[in-house]
Amino acid sequence: MGVTGGTKTVDTTNLVFLMDASNAVSYTSGATKTYNLIGGQTGSIINNTSFSSEGGGSWHFDGTDDRVDCDTFFNIVGSGSLANYSIELWLKGDSIANYDVAIGSGDTNFHEGGWSILYHSGKLMADGTWGGTGSGRKYPSKAITEASLESSFHQAVVTYNGSTVEMYLDGELGTLYDAGTVNGGMNKNDEQLQFGGTQQSGWAEWDGKIADVRVYNKALSAAEVLQNYNDQKGRYD
């Protein structure tokens, strides 16, 4: 099963959330809302978030106070904290710095149970309490430079299969880890999913573009992540 983008097809098995700035049903320039093409949820366009033609159509975030506020992660995936899930997005930076957040939970900081996908110290990483609390936290990462993030769009994917959190970048599994092992499911799934930045104090908003966001209520396999990358990368060339 697939969703067509041009002549390409991506996996849609267990796809529950898709917001795409290039799709006029999901978003039009100047609108105050964006729409989930799979379900009935809407996203609120916050502050000066605007439309860019880059990547076939993307949201532009200024790195200060822009973001898109969506439904809670619990409502999006439709099950509890131990659910399997995947989060995928295509992003590009304008001026990237440490702790720039692309997507995450609403306002709970990572050390209190919040989560995010962010850039830090030459890595794109799944930061926060994806897999439990305390010593169980694990920050899977994939190396990338600020210059690379600023030169082109990249696919970022985080998966959770009930026991393990993985980070992929451009279809490749990250093998860098900043702490511990996983001991449970996402802790803060009752907060809004926010992209382009979050309200978590101390972290920065994304300064750049995000073209589309997908959420699955399954853990994508490595082959499925790569399939999605190969099928969509032509849009961003």
Foldseek 3Di string as FASTA:
>chain_A
DFDDDPNFTADCVQWQFKAFQLDVQQDDFPDQWGATPRDGKIKGWDDPFGWDPALVIWIAFAFATTKIWIAFLCVRLVDDQLFWKKKKWKWAAAQADAQAFFKWFAADDQLRQIWTFGDHDQWTWTGHPAFHHDQADKIFIAGHDNVVRHPWIKMWMWTDASFAIWIDILLHTGDDIDGHGGDGGRRRRNGIMMGQAHNYPPGIGGRGTIGMMIMGRHGDDSVSSNSNSVRSVVSTD
